PDB file of all heavy atoms in Angstrom:
ATOM      1  N   VAL A   1       5.458  -7.919   1.755  1.00  0.00           N
ATOM      2  CA  VAL A   1       6.374  -7.322   2.736  1.00  0.00           C
ATOM      3  C   VAL A   1       6.167  -5.753   2.594  1.00  0.00           C
ATOM      4  O   VAL A   1       5.748  -5.241   1.624  1.00  0.00           O
ATOM      5  CB  VAL A   1       7.881  -7.735   2.494  1.00  0.00           C
ATOM      6  CG1 VAL A   1       7.958  -9.218   2.667  1.00  0.00           C
ATOM      7  CG2 VAL A   1       8.318  -7.219   1.120  1.00  0.00           C
ATOM      8  N   HIS A   2       6.506  -5.167   3.705  1.00  0.00           N
ATOM      9  CA  HIS A   2       6.313  -3.595   3.781  1.00  0.00           C
ATOM     10  C   HIS A   2       7.468  -3.072   4.575  1.00  0.00           C
ATOM     11  O   HIS A   2       7.451  -2.828   5.759  1.00  0.00           O
ATOM     12  CB  HIS A   2       4.975  -3.395   4.544  1.00  0.00           C
ATOM     13  CG  HIS A   2       4.524  -1.960   4.424  1.00  0.00           C
ATOM     14  ND1 HIS A   2       4.876  -1.145   3.390  1.00  0.00           N
ATOM     15  CD2 HIS A   2       3.607  -1.248   5.151  1.00  0.00           C
ATOM     16  CE1 HIS A   2       4.271   0.029   3.472  1.00  0.00           C
ATOM     17  NE2 HIS A   2       3.518   0.006   4.577  1.00  0.00           N
ATOM     18  N   GLY A   3       8.646  -2.827   3.821  1.00  0.00           N
ATOM     19  CA  GLY A   3       9.780  -2.421   4.573  1.00  0.00           C
ATOM     20  C   GLY A   3      10.872  -1.929   3.538  1.00  0.00           C
ATOM     21  O   GLY A   3      10.618  -1.678   2.409  1.00  0.00           O
ATOM     22  N   ASN A   4      12.079  -1.829   4.142  1.00  0.00           N
ATOM     23  CA  ASN A   4      13.177  -1.304   3.440  1.00  0.00           C
ATOM     24  C   ASN A   4      13.900  -2.354   2.640  1.00  0.00           C
ATOM     25  O   ASN A   4      13.412  -3.520   2.471  1.00  0.00           O
ATOM     26  CB  ASN A   4      14.183  -0.602   4.352  1.00  0.00           C
ATOM     27  CG  ASN A   4      14.842  -1.596   5.396  1.00  0.00           C
ATOM     28  OD1 ASN A   4      14.613  -2.828   5.215  1.00  0.00           O
ATOM     29  ND2 ASN A   4      15.521  -1.086   6.349  1.00  0.00           N
ATOM     30  N   GLN A   5      15.012  -2.002   1.919  1.00  0.00           N
ATOM     31  CA  GLN A   5      15.672  -2.910   1.006  1.00  0.00           C
ATOM     32  C   GLN A   5      16.124  -4.169   1.701  1.00  0.00           C
ATOM     33  O   GLN A   5      15.958  -5.326   1.152  1.00  0.00           O
ATOM     34  CB  GLN A   5      16.919  -2.182   0.447  1.00  0.00           C
ATOM     35  CG  GLN A   5      17.507  -2.785  -0.792  1.00  0.00           C
ATOM     36  CD  GLN A   5      16.632  -2.603  -2.011  1.00  0.00           C
ATOM     37  OE1 GLN A   5      15.811  -1.708  -2.034  1.00  0.00           O
ATOM     38  NE2 GLN A   5      16.936  -3.366  -3.055  1.00  0.00           N
ATOM     39  N   ALA A   6      16.701  -4.123   2.890  1.00  0.00           N
ATOM     40  CA  ALA A   6      17.124  -5.255   3.597  1.00  0.00           C
ATOM     41  C   ALA A   6      16.017  -6.220   3.913  1.00  0.00           C
ATOM     42  O   ALA A   6      16.155  -7.426   3.806  1.00  0.00           O
ATOM     43  CB  ALA A   6      17.880  -4.857   4.846  1.00  0.00           C
ATOM     44  N   ILE A   7      14.945  -5.751   4.255  1.00  0.00           N
ATOM     45  CA  ILE A   7      13.763  -6.494   4.573  1.00  0.00           C
ATOM     46  C   ILE A   7      13.237  -7.209   3.275  1.00  0.00           C
ATOM     47  O   ILE A   7      12.883  -8.468   3.296  1.00  0.00           O
ATOM     48  CB  ILE A   7      12.570  -5.685   5.236  1.00  0.00           C
ATOM     49  CG1 ILE A   7      12.935  -5.134   6.613  1.00  0.00           C
ATOM     50  CG2 ILE A   7      11.313  -6.510   5.292  1.00  0.00           C
ATOM     51  CD1 ILE A   7      12.007  -4.202   7.169  1.00  0.00           C
ATOM     52  N   MET A   8      13.195  -6.514   2.202  1.00  0.00           N
ATOM     53  CA  MET A   8      12.703  -7.132   0.908  1.00  0.00           C
ATOM     54  C   MET A   8      13.697  -8.171   0.414  1.00  0.00           C
ATOM     55  O   MET A   8      13.278  -9.248   0.037  1.00  0.00           O
ATOM     56  CB  MET A   8      12.537  -6.114  -0.095  1.00  0.00           C
ATOM     57  CG  MET A   8      11.347  -5.148   0.112  1.00  0.00           C
ATOM     58  SD  MET A   8      11.003  -4.046  -1.302  1.00  0.00           S
ATOM     59  CE  MET A   8      12.411  -2.880  -1.207  1.00  0.00           C
ATOM     60  N   GLU A   9      14.990  -7.893   0.587  1.00  0.00           N
ATOM     61  CA  GLU A   9      15.982  -8.880   0.144  1.00  0.00           C
ATOM     62  C   GLU A   9      15.930 -10.140   1.020  1.00  0.00           C
ATOM     63  O   GLU A   9      16.053 -11.197   0.500  1.00  0.00           O
ATOM     64  CB  GLU A   9      17.292  -8.290   0.107  1.00  0.00           C
ATOM     65  CG  GLU A   9      17.613  -7.188  -0.865  1.00  0.00           C
ATOM     66  CD  GLU A   9      18.860  -6.473  -0.724  1.00  0.00           C
ATOM     67  OE1 GLU A   9      19.610  -6.704   0.294  1.00  0.00           O
ATOM     68  OE2 GLU A   9      19.271  -5.672  -1.608  1.00  0.00           O
ATOM     69  N   ALA A  10      15.749  -9.940   2.275  1.00  0.00           N
ATOM     70  CA  ALA A  10      15.637 -11.178   3.172  1.00  0.00           C
ATOM     71  C   ALA A  10      14.448 -11.991   2.898  1.00  0.00           C
ATOM     72  O   ALA A  10      14.414 -13.234   2.846  1.00  0.00           O
ATOM     73  CB  ALA A  10      15.651 -10.742   4.637  1.00  0.00           C
ATOM     74  N   ALA A  11      13.318 -11.303   2.520  1.00  0.00           N
ATOM     75  CA  ALA A  11      12.094 -12.031   2.189  1.00  0.00           C
ATOM     76  C   ALA A  11      12.261 -12.775   0.958  1.00  0.00           C
ATOM     77  O   ALA A  11      11.831 -13.955   0.788  1.00  0.00           O
ATOM     78  CB  ALA A  11      10.899 -11.050   2.036  1.00  0.00           C
ATOM     79  N   VAL A  12      12.840 -12.170  -0.070  1.00  0.00           N
ATOM     80  CA  VAL A  12      13.112 -12.836  -1.343  1.00  0.00           C
ATOM     81  C   VAL A  12      13.984 -14.062  -1.180  1.00  0.00           C
ATOM     82  O   VAL A  12      13.784 -15.179  -1.749  1.00  0.00           O
ATOM     83  CB  VAL A  12      13.713 -11.894  -2.410  1.00  0.00           C
ATOM     84  CG1 VAL A  12      14.146 -12.581  -3.633  1.00  0.00           C
ATOM     85  CG2 VAL A  12      12.664 -10.801  -2.752  1.00  0.00           C
ATOM     86  N   GLU A  13      15.105 -13.954  -0.414  1.00  0.00           N
ATOM     87  CA  GLU A  13      15.989 -14.970  -0.183  1.00  0.00           C
ATOM     88  C   GLU A  13      15.361 -16.221   0.442  1.00  0.00           C
ATOM     89  O   GLU A  13      15.668 -17.319   0.225  1.00  0.00           O
ATOM     90  CB  GLU A  13      17.078 -14.451   0.786  1.00  0.00           C
ATOM     91  CG  GLU A  13      18.123 -15.534   1.036  1.00  0.00           C
ATOM     92  CD  GLU A  13      19.020 -15.908  -0.143  1.00  0.00           C
ATOM     93  OE1 GLU A  13      19.176 -15.167  -1.092  1.00  0.00           O
ATOM     94  OE2 GLU A  13      19.656 -17.018  -0.105  1.00  0.00           O
ATOM     95  N   ALA A  14      14.357 -15.898   1.356  1.00  0.00           N
ATOM     96  CA  ALA A  14      13.679 -16.984   2.012  1.00  0.00           C
ATOM     97  C   ALA A  14      12.410 -17.525   1.325  1.00  0.00           C
ATOM     98  O   ALA A  14      11.821 -18.504   1.759  1.00  0.00           O
ATOM     99  CB  ALA A  14      13.226 -16.533   3.462  1.00  0.00           C
ATOM    100  N   ALA A  15      11.939 -16.873   0.235  1.00  0.00           N
ATOM    101  CA  ALA A  15      10.722 -17.182  -0.315  1.00  0.00           C
ATOM    102  C   ALA A  15      10.552 -18.517  -0.895  1.00  0.00           C
ATOM    103  O   ALA A  15       9.385 -19.068  -0.912  1.00  0.00           O
ATOM    104  CB  ALA A  15      10.366 -16.112  -1.357  1.00  0.00           C
ATOM    105  N   GLY A  16      11.482 -19.116  -1.476  1.00  0.00           N
ATOM    106  CA  GLY A  16      11.303 -20.336  -2.228  1.00  0.00           C
ATOM    107  C   GLY A  16      10.296 -20.231  -3.263  1.00  0.00           C
ATOM    108  O   GLY A  16      10.474 -19.486  -4.265  1.00  0.00           O
ATOM    109  N   ASP A  17       9.113 -20.936  -3.268  1.00  0.00           N
ATOM    110  CA  ASP A  17       8.222 -20.963  -4.255  1.00  0.00           C
ATOM    111  C   ASP A  17       7.056 -19.822  -4.140  1.00  0.00           C
ATOM    112  O   ASP A  17       6.142 -19.803  -4.865  1.00  0.00           O
ATOM    113  CB  ASP A  17       7.435 -22.345  -4.313  1.00  0.00           C
ATOM    114  CG  ASP A  17       6.752 -22.637  -3.036  1.00  0.00           C
ATOM    115  OD1 ASP A  17       7.204 -22.145  -1.939  1.00  0.00           O
ATOM    116  OD2 ASP A  17       5.899 -23.538  -3.078  1.00  0.00           O
ATOM    117  N   VAL A  18       7.343 -18.982  -3.186  1.00  0.00           N
ATOM    118  CA  VAL A  18       6.314 -17.868  -2.914  1.00  0.00           C
ATOM    119  C   VAL A  18       6.816 -16.658  -3.608  1.00  0.00           C
ATOM    120  O   VAL A  18       7.902 -16.178  -3.421  1.00  0.00           O
ATOM    121  CB  VAL A  18       6.180 -17.678  -1.385  1.00  0.00           C
ATOM    122  CG1 VAL A  18       5.169 -16.559  -1.088  1.00  0.00           C
ATOM    123  CG2 VAL A  18       5.819 -18.968  -0.620  1.00  0.00           C
ATOM    124  N   GLY A  19       5.871 -15.917  -4.251  1.00  0.00           N
ATOM    125  CA  GLY A  19       6.176 -14.670  -4.901  1.00  0.00           C
ATOM    126  C   GLY A  19       6.089 -13.591  -3.919  1.00  0.00           C
ATOM    127  O   GLY A  19       5.031 -13.433  -3.224  1.00  0.00           O
ATOM    128  N   ILE A  20       7.123 -12.742  -3.688  1.00  0.00           N
ATOM    129  CA  ILE A  20       7.099 -11.652  -2.778  1.00  0.00           C
ATOM    130  C   ILE A  20       6.589 -10.342  -3.485  1.00  0.00           C
ATOM    131  O   ILE A  20       7.115  -9.942  -4.558  1.00  0.00           O
ATOM    132  CB  ILE A  20       8.504 -11.391  -2.237  1.00  0.00           C
ATOM    133  CG1 ILE A  20       9.078 -12.584  -1.472  1.00  0.00           C
ATOM    134  CG2 ILE A  20       8.542 -10.140  -1.328  1.00  0.00           C
ATOM    135  CD1 ILE A  20       8.227 -12.991  -0.286  1.00  0.00           C
ATOM    136  N   LEU A  21       5.613  -9.797  -2.890  1.00  0.00           N
ATOM    137  CA  LEU A  21       5.082  -8.558  -3.315  1.00  0.00           C
ATOM    138  C   LEU A  21       5.461  -7.436  -2.345  1.00  0.00           C
ATOM    139  O   LEU A  21       5.161  -7.591  -1.151  1.00  0.00           O
ATOM    140  CB  LEU A  21       3.553  -8.544  -3.404  1.00  0.00           C
ATOM    141  CG  LEU A  21       2.901  -9.604  -4.451  1.00  0.00           C
ATOM    142  CD1 LEU A  21       1.417  -9.489  -4.319  1.00  0.00           C
ATOM    143  CD2 LEU A  21       3.367  -9.336  -5.870  1.00  0.00           C
ATOM    144  N   ALA A  22       5.991  -6.354  -2.865  1.00  0.00           N
ATOM    145  CA  ALA A  22       6.357  -5.237  -1.973  1.00  0.00           C
ATOM    146  C   ALA A  22       5.199  -4.208  -1.945  1.00  0.00           C
ATOM    147  O   ALA A  22       4.773  -3.820  -3.020  1.00  0.00           O
ATOM    148  CB  ALA A  22       7.644  -4.568  -2.462  1.00  0.00           C
ATOM    149  N   VAL A  23       4.774  -3.746  -0.804  1.00  0.00           N
ATOM    150  CA  VAL A  23       3.737  -2.781  -0.695  1.00  0.00           C
ATOM    151  C   VAL A  23       4.397  -1.407  -1.032  1.00  0.00           C
ATOM    152  O   VAL A  23       5.436  -1.075  -0.489  1.00  0.00           O
ATOM    153  CB  VAL A  23       3.141  -2.747   0.757  1.00  0.00           C
ATOM    154  CG1 VAL A  23       2.139  -1.621   0.891  1.00  0.00           C
ATOM    155  CG2 VAL A  23       2.569  -4.064   1.077  1.00  0.00           C
ATOM    156  N   THR A  24       3.725  -0.688  -1.883  1.00  0.00           N
ATOM    157  CA  THR A  24       4.286   0.668  -2.233  1.00  0.00           C
ATOM    158  C   THR A  24       3.700   1.648  -1.291  1.00  0.00           C
ATOM    159  O   THR A  24       4.234   1.980  -0.257  1.00  0.00           O
ATOM    160  CB  THR A  24       3.949   0.996  -3.734  1.00  0.00           C
ATOM    161  OG1 THR A  24       2.524   0.950  -3.981  1.00  0.00           O
ATOM    162  CG2 THR A  24       4.816   0.100  -4.616  1.00  0.00           C
ATOM    163  N   VAL A  25       2.488   2.202  -1.584  1.00  0.00           N
ATOM    164  CA  VAL A  25       1.709   3.136  -0.702  1.00  0.00           C
ATOM    165  C   VAL A  25       0.293   2.540  -0.647  1.00  0.00           C
ATOM    166  O   VAL A  25      -0.345   2.265  -1.667  1.00  0.00           O
ATOM    167  CB  VAL A  25       1.668   4.506  -1.338  1.00  0.00           C
ATOM    168  CG1 VAL A  25       0.863   5.374  -0.398  1.00  0.00           C
ATOM    169  CG2 VAL A  25       3.050   5.104  -1.440  1.00  0.00           C
ATOM    170  N   LEU A  26      -0.151   2.272   0.612  1.00  0.00           N
ATOM    171  CA  LEU A  26      -1.486   1.792   0.854  1.00  0.00           C
ATOM    172  C   LEU A  26      -2.565   2.616   0.083  1.00  0.00           C
ATOM    173  O   LEU A  26      -2.471   3.819   0.158  1.00  0.00           O
ATOM    174  CB  LEU A  26      -1.752   1.658   2.270  1.00  0.00           C
ATOM    175  CG  LEU A  26      -0.909   0.690   3.087  1.00  0.00           C
ATOM    176  CD1 LEU A  26      -1.245   0.863   4.644  1.00  0.00           C
ATOM    177  CD2 LEU A  26      -1.031  -0.793   2.679  1.00  0.00           C
ATOM    178  N   THR A  27      -3.603   1.962  -0.446  1.00  0.00           N
ATOM    179  CA  THR A  27      -4.677   2.693  -1.099  1.00  0.00           C
ATOM    180  C   THR A  27      -5.570   3.491  -0.131  1.00  0.00           C
ATOM    181  O   THR A  27      -6.299   4.296  -0.517  1.00  0.00           O
ATOM    182  CB  THR A  27      -5.506   1.818  -1.959  1.00  0.00           C
ATOM    183  OG1 THR A  27      -5.950   0.624  -1.206  1.00  0.00           O
ATOM    184  CG2 THR A  27      -4.742   1.342  -3.217  1.00  0.00           C
ATOM    185  N   SER A  28      -5.434   3.301   1.136  1.00  0.00           N
ATOM    186  CA  SER A  28      -6.147   4.001   2.202  1.00  0.00           C
ATOM    187  C   SER A  28      -5.410   5.325   2.526  1.00  0.00           C
ATOM    188  O   SER A  28      -5.895   6.135   3.311  1.00  0.00           O
ATOM    189  CB  SER A  28      -6.321   3.167   3.393  1.00  0.00           C
ATOM    190  OG  SER A  28      -4.960   2.771   3.963  1.00  0.00           O
ATOM    191  N   LEU A  29      -4.175   5.544   1.967  1.00  0.00           N
ATOM    192  CA  LEU A  29      -3.418   6.764   2.252  1.00  0.00           C
ATOM    193  C   LEU A  29      -3.485   7.795   1.034  1.00  0.00           C
ATOM    194  O   LEU A  29      -3.465   7.344  -0.079  1.00  0.00           O
ATOM    195  CB  LEU A  29      -1.958   6.418   2.482  1.00  0.00           C
ATOM    196  CG  LEU A  29      -1.758   5.434   3.644  1.00  0.00           C
ATOM    197  CD1 LEU A  29      -0.206   5.184   3.817  1.00  0.00           C
ATOM    198  CD2 LEU A  29      -2.311   5.927   4.971  1.00  0.00           C
ATOM    199  N   ASP A  30      -3.513   9.040   1.399  1.00  0.00           N
ATOM    200  CA  ASP A  30      -3.389  10.110   0.392  1.00  0.00           C
ATOM    201  C   ASP A  30      -2.297  11.066   0.769  1.00  0.00           C
ATOM    202  O   ASP A  30      -1.493  10.844   1.715  1.00  0.00           O
ATOM    203  CB  ASP A  30      -4.718  10.818   0.152  1.00  0.00           C
ATOM    204  CG  ASP A  30      -5.278  11.456   1.368  1.00  0.00           C
ATOM    205  OD1 ASP A  30      -4.457  11.688   2.377  1.00  0.00           O
ATOM    206  OD2 ASP A  30      -6.492  11.835   1.407  1.00  0.00           O
ATOM    207  N   ARG A  31      -2.157  12.181  -0.009  1.00  0.00           N
ATOM    208  CA  ARG A  31      -1.082  13.119   0.233  1.00  0.00           C
ATOM    209  C   ARG A  31      -1.097  13.650   1.703  1.00  0.00           C
ATOM    210  O   ARG A  31      -0.065  13.722   2.346  1.00  0.00           O
ATOM    211  CB  ARG A  31      -1.314  14.259  -0.723  1.00  0.00           C
ATOM    212  CG  ARG A  31      -0.409  15.493  -0.579  1.00  0.00           C
ATOM    213  CD  ARG A  31       1.043  15.155  -0.807  1.00  0.00           C
ATOM    214  NE  ARG A  31       1.801  14.862   0.364  1.00  0.00           N
ATOM    215  CZ  ARG A  31       3.043  14.459   0.391  1.00  0.00           C
ATOM    216  NH1 ARG A  31       3.701  14.247  -0.739  1.00  0.00           N
ATOM    217  NH2 ARG A  31       3.687  14.188   1.476  1.00  0.00           N
ATOM    218  N   GLY A  32      -2.296  13.919   2.290  1.00  0.00           N
ATOM    219  CA  GLY A  32      -2.258  14.406   3.631  1.00  0.00           C
ATOM    220  C   GLY A  32      -1.783  13.347   4.584  1.00  0.00           C
ATOM    221  O   GLY A  32      -1.133  13.688   5.618  1.00  0.00           O
ATOM    222  N   ASP A  33      -2.051  12.054   4.403  1.00  0.00           N
ATOM    223  CA  ASP A  33      -1.557  11.025   5.215  1.00  0.00           C
ATOM    224  C   ASP A  33      -0.006  10.950   5.167  1.00  0.00           C
ATOM    225  O   ASP A  33       0.697  10.653   6.181  1.00  0.00           O
ATOM    226  CB  ASP A  33      -2.134   9.717   4.893  1.00  0.00           C
ATOM    227  CG  ASP A  33      -3.664   9.588   5.094  1.00  0.00           C
ATOM    228  OD1 ASP A  33      -4.038   9.927   6.177  1.00  0.00           O
ATOM    229  OD2 ASP A  33      -4.349   9.320   4.184  1.00  0.00           O
ATOM    230  N   LEU A  34       0.585  11.058   3.933  1.00  0.00           N
ATOM    231  CA  LEU A  34       2.047  11.057   3.825  1.00  0.00           C
ATOM    232  C   LEU A  34       2.663  12.214   4.601  1.00  0.00           C
ATOM    233  O   LEU A  34       3.721  12.086   5.170  1.00  0.00           O
ATOM    234  CB  LEU A  34       2.394  11.027   2.316  1.00  0.00           C
ATOM    235  CG  LEU A  34       2.047   9.891   1.505  1.00  0.00           C
ATOM    236  CD1 LEU A  34       2.736  10.018   0.114  1.00  0.00           C
ATOM    237  CD2 LEU A  34       2.391   8.580   2.179  1.00  0.00           C
ATOM    238  N   ASP A  35       2.028  13.413   4.477  1.00  0.00           N
ATOM    239  CA  ASP A  35       2.489  14.515   5.381  1.00  0.00           C
ATOM    240  C   ASP A  35       2.525  14.147   6.832  1.00  0.00           C
ATOM    241  O   ASP A  35       3.450  14.393   7.579  1.00  0.00           O
ATOM    242  CB  ASP A  35       1.589  15.705   5.099  1.00  0.00           C
ATOM    243  CG  ASP A  35       1.820  16.339   3.758  1.00  0.00           C
ATOM    244  OD1 ASP A  35       2.770  16.106   3.054  1.00  0.00           O
ATOM    245  OD2 ASP A  35       0.843  17.046   3.333  1.00  0.00           O
ATOM    246  N   ASP A  36       1.400  13.531   7.243  1.00  0.00           N
ATOM    247  CA  ASP A  36       1.333  13.094   8.614  1.00  0.00           C
ATOM    248  C   ASP A  36       2.337  12.114   9.096  1.00  0.00           C
ATOM    249  O   ASP A  36       2.845  12.086  10.215  1.00  0.00           O
ATOM    250  CB  ASP A  36      -0.133  12.541   8.902  1.00  0.00           C
ATOM    251  CG  ASP A  36      -0.414  12.328  10.348  1.00  0.00           C
ATOM    252  OD1 ASP A  36      -0.116  13.232  11.167  1.00  0.00           O
ATOM    253  OD2 ASP A  36      -0.909  11.347  10.748  1.00  0.00           O
ATOM    254  N   LEU A  37       2.731  11.266   8.056  1.00  0.00           N
ATOM    255  CA  LEU A  37       3.821  10.303   8.353  1.00  0.00           C
ATOM    256  C   LEU A  37       5.206  10.813   8.194  1.00  0.00           C
ATOM    257  O   LEU A  37       6.200  10.122   8.467  1.00  0.00           O
ATOM    258  CB  LEU A  37       3.621   9.106   7.407  1.00  0.00           C
ATOM    259  CG  LEU A  37       2.397   8.244   7.798  1.00  0.00           C
ATOM    260  CD1 LEU A  37       2.122   7.304   6.587  1.00  0.00           C
ATOM    261  CD2 LEU A  37       2.547   7.445   9.063  1.00  0.00           C
ATOM    262  N   GLY A  38       5.306  12.086   7.689  1.00  0.00           N
ATOM    263  CA  GLY A  38       6.651  12.610   7.607  1.00  0.00           C
ATOM    264  C   GLY A  38       7.360  12.534   6.255  1.00  0.00           C
ATOM    265  O   GLY A  38       8.551  12.774   6.202  1.00  0.00           O
ATOM    266  N   PHE A  39       6.613  12.042   5.238  1.00  0.00           N
ATOM    267  CA  PHE A  39       7.243  11.915   3.878  1.00  0.00           C
ATOM    268  C   PHE A  39       7.226  13.252   3.120  1.00  0.00           C
ATOM    269  O   PHE A  39       6.239  13.874   3.035  1.00  0.00           O
ATOM    270  CB  PHE A  39       6.567  10.839   3.123  1.00  0.00           C
ATOM    271  CG  PHE A  39       6.662   9.411   3.525  1.00  0.00           C
ATOM    272  CD1 PHE A  39       5.745   8.779   4.397  1.00  0.00           C
ATOM    273  CD2 PHE A  39       7.805   8.736   3.167  1.00  0.00           C
ATOM    274  CE1 PHE A  39       5.950   7.421   4.765  1.00  0.00           C
ATOM    275  CE2 PHE A  39       8.011   7.373   3.571  1.00  0.00           C
ATOM    276  CZ  PHE A  39       7.120   6.773   4.345  1.00  0.00           C
ATOM    277  N   GLN A  40       8.352  13.590   2.613  1.00  0.00           N
ATOM    278  CA  GLN A  40       8.567  14.886   1.962  1.00  0.00           C
ATOM    279  C   GLN A  40       8.542  14.701   0.409  1.00  0.00           C
ATOM    280  O   GLN A  40       9.317  15.221  -0.303  1.00  0.00           O
ATOM    281  CB  GLN A  40       9.796  15.559   2.414  1.00  0.00           C
ATOM    282  CG  GLN A  40       9.889  15.813   3.838  1.00  0.00           C
ATOM    283  CD  GLN A  40       8.803  16.698   4.393  1.00  0.00           C
ATOM    284  OE1 GLN A  40       8.485  17.729   3.813  1.00  0.00           O
ATOM    285  NE2 GLN A  40       8.113  16.341   5.471  1.00  0.00           N
ATOM    286  N   CYS A  41       7.662  13.795  -0.051  1.00  0.00           N
ATOM    287  CA  CYS A  41       7.572  13.602  -1.506  1.00  0.00           C
ATOM    288  C   CYS A  41       6.144  13.196  -1.864  1.00  0.00           C
ATOM    289  O   CYS A  41       5.220  13.068  -1.009  1.00  0.00           O
ATOM    290  CB  CYS A  41       8.474  12.374  -1.914  1.00  0.00           C
ATOM    291  SG  CYS A  41       8.015  10.835  -1.140  1.00  0.00           S
ATOM    292  N   SER A  42       5.800  13.220  -3.178  1.00  0.00           N
ATOM    293  CA  SER A  42       4.462  12.953  -3.573  1.00  0.00           C
ATOM    294  C   SER A  42       4.183  11.441  -3.471  1.00  0.00           C
ATOM    295  O   SER A  42       5.123  10.638  -3.415  1.00  0.00           O
ATOM    296  CB  SER A  42       4.299  13.387  -5.023  1.00  0.00           C
ATOM    297  OG  SER A  42       5.059  12.571  -5.843  1.00  0.00           O
ATOM    298  N   VAL A  43       2.916  11.056  -3.573  1.00  0.00           N
ATOM    299  CA  VAL A  43       2.564   9.690  -3.572  1.00  0.00           C
ATOM    300  C   VAL A  43       3.188   9.015  -4.748  1.00  0.00           C
ATOM    301  O   VAL A  43       3.840   7.804  -4.617  1.00  0.00           O
ATOM    302  CB  VAL A  43       1.039   9.500  -3.650  1.00  0.00           C
ATOM    303  CG1 VAL A  43       0.622   8.000  -3.914  1.00  0.00           C
ATOM    304  CG2 VAL A  43       0.275   9.984  -2.452  1.00  0.00           C
ATOM    305  N   GLU A  44       3.234   9.617  -5.914  1.00  0.00           N
ATOM    306  CA  GLU A  44       3.769   9.039  -7.126  1.00  0.00           C
ATOM    307  C   GLU A  44       5.265   8.771  -6.995  1.00  0.00           C
ATOM    308  O   GLU A  44       5.785   7.732  -7.344  1.00  0.00           O
ATOM    309  CB  GLU A  44       3.510   9.908  -8.336  1.00  0.00           C
ATOM    310  CG  GLU A  44       2.062  10.027  -8.752  1.00  0.00           C
ATOM    311  CD  GLU A  44       1.248  11.026  -7.892  1.00  0.00           C
ATOM    312  OE1 GLU A  44       1.916  11.720  -7.093  1.00  0.00           O
ATOM    313  OE2 GLU A  44      -0.034  11.118  -8.086  1.00  0.00           O
ATOM    314  N   GLU A  45       5.984   9.784  -6.422  1.00  0.00           N
ATOM    315  CA  GLU A  45       7.423   9.549  -6.175  1.00  0.00           C
ATOM    316  C   GLU A  45       7.737   8.420  -5.255  1.00  0.00           C
ATOM    317  O   GLU A  45       8.805   7.671  -5.460  1.00  0.00           O
ATOM    318  CB  GLU A  45       8.018  10.892  -5.626  1.00  0.00           C
ATOM    319  CG  GLU A  45       8.068  11.984  -6.768  1.00  0.00           C
ATOM    320  CD  GLU A  45       8.449  13.336  -6.102  1.00  0.00           C
ATOM    321  OE1 GLU A  45       8.149  13.519  -4.852  1.00  0.00           O
ATOM    322  OE2 GLU A  45       9.040  14.175  -6.803  1.00  0.00           O
TER     323      GLU A  45
END
């Protein structure tokens, strides 16, 4: 899943025997891409 808290919680509630993995930051993105997307924090944060 790739979303906010409510999306992750809904996925977990529905998952049953499936393990839910939350996407953090895609490995195709770097600091410049986060700037382009409007994030005001580092990749690590």
